[in-house]
Amino acid sequence: MLALSDSQLRTIWNAADGLPAEERGVYLERMIAWLQFRGGRFIDRDLDDAVRLALRGLIHDSPRRRCSSRISSGDACTITVSPDRTD
């Protein structure tokens, strides 16, 4: 059995929320494996490192994602999509 604080659970949830739905399962499986490996003995910094490792390869820098981050910072953005790309 594992015990997580509210802030630790929020950290895991917030990271999963930023992923496409089809990649959340892989992320959560990686987190469960890491938590089981640690046997429940870890500090918040360890959990932050585990979240970063679990996300590795799951976050893709798509044109849409780059544009959203630029729009939120107030910059203009244009996305050109070729016929063979849908992102």
Protein backbone atom coordinates (compact mmCIF):
# COMPACT_ATOMS: atom_id res chain seq x y z
CA MET A 1 0.00 0.00 0.00
CA LEU A 2 1.19 3.49 -0.86
CA ALA A 3 0.43 6.73 0.88
CA LEU A 4 0.66 10.01 -1.00
CA SER A 5 0.08 13.49 0.34
CA ASP A 6 -2.46 15.72 -1.38
CA SER A 7 0.32 17.77 -2.97
CA GLN A 8 2.11 14.64 -4.25
CA LEU A 9 -1.09 13.29 -5.74
CA ARG A 10 -1.78 16.70 -7.31
CA THR A 11 1.73 16.67 -8.86
CA ILE A 12 1.08 13.28 -10.48
CA TRP A 13 -2.43 14.28 -11.60
CA ASN A 14 -1.36 17.64 -13.07
CA ALA A 15 1.34 15.97 -15.16
CA ALA A 16 -1.12 13.35 -16.44
CA ASP A 17 -3.68 16.04 -17.25
CA GLY A 18 -1.24 17.67 -19.69
CA LEU A 19 -0.87 14.47 -21.73
CA PRO A 20 -3.04 13.25 -24.57
CA ALA A 21 -5.53 10.68 -23.26
CA GLU A 22 -3.87 7.79 -25.11
CA GLU A 23 -0.54 8.42 -23.32
CA ARG A 24 -1.84 8.83 -19.76
CA GLY A 25 -1.94 5.08 -19.13
CA VAL A 26 1.75 4.68 -20.00
CA TYR A 27 2.63 7.62 -17.73
CA LEU A 28 0.61 6.24 -14.81
CA GLU A 29 2.08 2.74 -15.26
CA ARG A 30 5.57 4.25 -15.11
CA MET A 31 4.66 6.18 -11.96
CA ILE A 32 3.21 3.09 -10.27
CA ALA A 33 6.33 1.08 -11.12
CA TRP A 34 8.55 3.80 -9.69
CA LEU A 35 6.48 4.14 -6.51
CA GLN A 36 6.52 0.37 -5.99
CA PHE A 37 10.26 0.24 -6.61
CA ARG A 38 10.82 2.91 -3.96
CA GLY A 39 8.63 1.01 -1.52
CA GLY A 40 6.85 4.17 -0.49
CA ARG A 41 10.04 5.84 0.77
CA PHE A 42 10.63 9.07 -1.11
CA ILE A 43 10.52 12.81 -0.70
CA ASP A 44 8.83 15.40 -2.91
CA ARG A 45 12.02 16.05 -4.89
CA ASP A 46 12.26 12.31 -5.69
CA LEU A 47 8.66 12.36 -6.87
CA ASP A 48 9.33 15.39 -9.09
CA ASP A 49 12.26 13.53 -10.67
CA ALA A 50 10.07 10.46 -11.20
CA VAL A 51 7.38 12.56 -12.90
CA ARG A 52 9.98 14.00 -15.28
CA LEU A 53 11.31 10.54 -16.09
CA ALA A 54 7.82 9.10 -16.56
CA LEU A 55 6.95 11.91 -18.98
CA ARG A 56 10.10 11.38 -21.06
CA GLY A 57 9.13 10.54 -24.61
CA LEU A 58 5.43 11.15 -23.98
CA ILE A 59 5.33 14.90 -24.50
CA HIS A 60 5.70 15.79 -28.14
CA ASP A 61 6.44 19.33 -29.26
CA SER A 62 3.73 19.58 -31.89
CA PRO A 63 3.14 22.81 -33.82
CA ARG A 64 -0.16 23.20 -31.97
CA ARG A 65 1.54 22.95 -28.57
CA ARG A 66 4.24 25.44 -29.57
CA CYS A 67 1.59 27.83 -30.82
CA SER A 68 -0.49 27.57 -27.64
CA SER A 69 2.51 28.42 -25.49
CA ARG A 70 3.33 31.41 -27.68
CA ILE A 71 -0.26 32.65 -27.65
CA SER A 72 -0.37 32.45 -23.86
CA SER A 73 2.72 34.66 -23.76
CA GLY A 74 1.06 37.20 -26.06
CA ASP A 75 2.99 36.43 -29.28
CA ALA A 76 1.32 35.89 -32.64
CA CYS A 77 1.33 32.42 -34.14
CA THR A 78 0.44 30.83 -37.46
CA ILE A 79 0.20 27.11 -38.07
CA THR A 80 0.63 25.76 -41.60
CA VAL A 81 -0.47 22.16 -41.97
CA SER A 82 0.54 20.15 -45.01
CA PRO A 83 -2.00 17.66 -46.40
CA ASP A 84 -0.20 14.67 -44.83
CA ARG A 85 -0.04 16.20 -41.33
CA THR A 86 -3.00 16.63 -39.05
CA ASP A 87 -1.41 18.22 -35.99
